Amino acid sequence: MFSLPAISIVIVTLAGFIGAFVDTVVGAFIQEERRCVVCGDLTEDKHHCERQTVFDRGVPKITNNVVNFICTSSAALIILLFV
């Protein structure tokens, strides 16, 4: 088997928590949200209830995939800072 230094485990764990925090903040405040014109639900989809949705809040074009990229990148950057 292999062994990892304790500091490596701490850094990776810290990076994971920071990545999750960034995901929460960016997702809540920056991610584009759209509203269904039929049922009024908030969604990230461009179509809902077989109709096109309208922009409601957030930053246009910042989809969930962009948010995931940002949070993963932030975790990777944290690790790079400690290497």
C-alpha atoms as a PDB file:
ATOM      1  CA  MET A   1       0.000   0.000   0.000  1.00  0.00           C
ATOM      2  CA  PHE A   2       1.050   3.650  -0.098  1.00  0.00           C
ATOM      3  CA  SER A   3       1.061   6.402   2.460  1.00  0.00           C
ATOM      4  CA  LEU A   4       0.292  10.076   2.116  1.00  0.00           C
ATOM      5  CA  PRO A   5       1.694  12.791   4.332  1.00  0.00           C
ATOM      6  CA  ALA A   6      -0.956  14.214   6.648  1.00  0.00           C
ATOM      7  CA  ILE A   7      -0.527  17.682   5.121  1.00  0.00           C
ATOM      8  CA  SER A   8      -1.521  16.294   1.698  1.00  0.00           C
ATOM      9  CA  ILE A   9      -4.752  14.944   3.116  1.00  0.00           C
ATOM     10  CA  VAL A  10      -5.464  18.294   4.787  1.00  0.00           C
ATOM     11  CA  ILE A  11      -4.760  20.251   1.574  1.00  0.00           C
ATOM     12  CA  VAL A  12      -6.951  18.014  -0.584  1.00  0.00           C
ATOM     13  CA  THR A  13      -9.766  18.136   1.978  1.00  0.00           C
ATOM     14  CA  LEU A  14      -9.490  21.928   2.252  1.00  0.00           C
ATOM     15  CA  ALA A  15      -9.529  22.267  -1.535  1.00  0.00           C
ATOM     16  CA  GLY A  16     -12.654  20.115  -1.700  1.00  0.00           C
ATOM     17  CA  PHE A  17     -14.462  22.247   0.873  1.00  0.00           C
ATOM     18  CA  ILE A  18     -13.428  25.471  -0.867  1.00  0.00           C
ATOM     19  CA  GLY A  19     -14.543  24.085  -4.235  1.00  0.00           C
ATOM     20  CA  ALA A  20     -17.930  23.155  -2.767  1.00  0.00           C
ATOM     21  CA  PHE A  21     -18.272  26.612  -1.189  1.00  0.00           C
ATOM     22  CA  VAL A  22     -17.407  28.331  -4.480  1.00  0.00           C
ATOM     23  CA  ASP A  23     -19.964  26.110  -6.233  1.00  0.00           C
ATOM     24  CA  THR A  24     -22.657  27.167  -3.766  1.00  0.00           C
ATOM     25  CA  VAL A  25     -21.907  30.887  -3.978  1.00  0.00           C
ATOM     26  CA  VAL A  26     -21.466  31.052  -7.753  1.00  0.00           C
ATOM     27  CA  GLY A  27     -24.508  28.853  -8.310  1.00  0.00           C
ATOM     28  CA  ALA A  28     -26.684  30.969  -6.037  1.00  0.00           C
ATOM     29  CA  PHE A  29     -25.649  34.439  -7.175  1.00  0.00           C
ATOM     30  CA  ILE A  30     -24.177  34.207 -10.671  1.00  0.00           C
ATOM     31  CA  GLN A  31     -25.694  31.210 -12.462  1.00  0.00           C
ATOM     32  CA  GLU A  32     -28.327  32.109 -15.038  1.00  0.00           C
ATOM     33  CA  GLU A  33     -31.859  31.198 -14.026  1.00  0.00           C
ATOM     34  CA  ARG A  34     -34.812  31.211 -16.358  1.00  0.00           C
ATOM     35  CA  ARG A  35     -38.559  31.230 -15.676  1.00  0.00           C
ATOM     36  CA  CYS A  36     -41.195  29.127 -17.382  1.00  0.00           C
ATOM     37  CA  VAL A  37     -43.898  31.327 -18.919  1.00  0.00           C
ATOM     38  CA  VAL A  38     -46.490  28.557 -18.491  1.00  0.00           C
ATOM     39  CA  CYS A  39     -46.057  27.303 -14.911  1.00  0.00           C
ATOM     40  CA  GLY A  40     -43.749  29.963 -13.429  1.00  0.00           C
ATOM     41  CA  ASP A  41     -41.083  27.491 -12.251  1.00  0.00           C
ATOM     42  CA  LEU A  42     -37.453  28.591 -12.091  1.00  0.00           C
ATOM     43  CA  THR A  43     -35.238  26.428 -14.269  1.00  0.00           C
ATOM     44  CA  GLU A  44     -31.872  26.464 -15.984  1.00  0.00           C
ATOM     45  CA  ASP A  45     -33.382  25.044 -19.171  1.00  0.00           C
ATOM     46  CA  LYS A  46     -34.172  27.156 -22.219  1.00  0.00           C
ATOM     47  CA  HIS A  47     -37.439  25.244 -22.702  1.00  0.00           C
ATOM     48  CA  HIS A  48     -40.020  24.139 -20.126  1.00  0.00           C
ATOM     49  CA  CYS A  49     -43.644  23.034 -20.546  1.00  0.00           C
ATOM     50  CA  GLU A  50     -42.894  22.848 -24.278  1.00  0.00           C
ATOM     51  CA  ARG A  51     -42.314  26.614 -24.390  1.00  0.00           C
ATOM     52  CA  GLN A  52     -39.245  28.831 -24.408  1.00  0.00           C
ATOM     53  CA  THR A  53     -38.334  30.197 -20.969  1.00  0.00           C
ATOM     54  CA  VAL A  54     -37.409  33.804 -20.196  1.00  0.00           C
ATOM     55  CA  PHE A  55     -34.330  35.116 -18.397  1.00  0.00           C
ATOM     56  CA  ASP A  56     -35.027  35.782 -14.704  1.00  0.00           C
ATOM     57  CA  ARG A  57     -31.728  36.480 -12.905  1.00  0.00           C
ATOM     58  CA  GLY A  58     -28.022  35.772 -12.759  1.00  0.00           C
ATOM     59  CA  VAL A  59     -25.489  36.297 -15.516  1.00  0.00           C
ATOM     60  CA  PRO A  60     -26.573  35.227 -18.998  1.00  0.00           C
ATOM     61  CA  LYS A  61     -24.593  32.283 -20.409  1.00  0.00           C
ATOM     62  CA  ILE A  62     -23.306  31.236 -16.955  1.00  0.00           C
ATOM     63  CA  THR A  63     -24.811  27.739 -17.023  1.00  0.00           C
ATOM     64  CA  ASN A  64     -24.410  24.948 -14.501  1.00  0.00           C
ATOM     65  CA  ASN A  65     -21.528  23.587 -16.602  1.00  0.00           C
ATOM     66  CA  VAL A  66     -19.703  26.920 -16.273  1.00  0.00           C
ATOM     67  CA  VAL A  67     -20.333  26.929 -12.513  1.00  0.00           C
ATOM     68  CA  ASN A  68     -18.946  23.386 -12.258  1.00  0.00           C
ATOM     69  CA  PHE A  69     -15.843  24.436 -14.200  1.00  0.00           C
ATOM     70  CA  ILE A  70     -15.297  27.434 -11.910  1.00  0.00           C
ATOM     71  CA  CYS A  71     -15.624  25.410  -8.691  1.00  0.00           C
ATOM     72  CA  THR A  72     -13.388  22.594  -9.960  1.00  0.00           C
ATOM     73  CA  SER A  73     -10.793  25.121 -11.112  1.00  0.00           C
ATOM     74  CA  SER A  74     -10.856  26.888  -7.756  1.00  0.00           C
ATOM     75  CA  ALA A  75     -10.169  23.612  -5.950  1.00  0.00           C
ATOM     76  CA  ALA A  76      -7.319  22.821  -8.340  1.00  0.00           C
ATOM     77  CA  LEU A  77      -5.827  26.288  -7.823  1.00  0.00           C
ATOM     78  CA  ILE A  78      -5.885  25.827  -4.044  1.00  0.00           C
ATOM     79  CA  ILE A  79      -3.916  22.610  -4.420  1.00  0.00           C
ATOM     80  CA  LEU A  80      -1.428  24.305  -6.770  1.00  0.00           C
ATOM     81  CA  LEU A  81      -0.844  27.071  -4.228  1.00  0.00           C
ATOM     82  CA  PHE A  82       0.333  24.522  -1.677  1.00  0.00           C
ATOM     83  CA  VAL A  83       2.488  22.398  -3.975  1.00  0.00           C
END
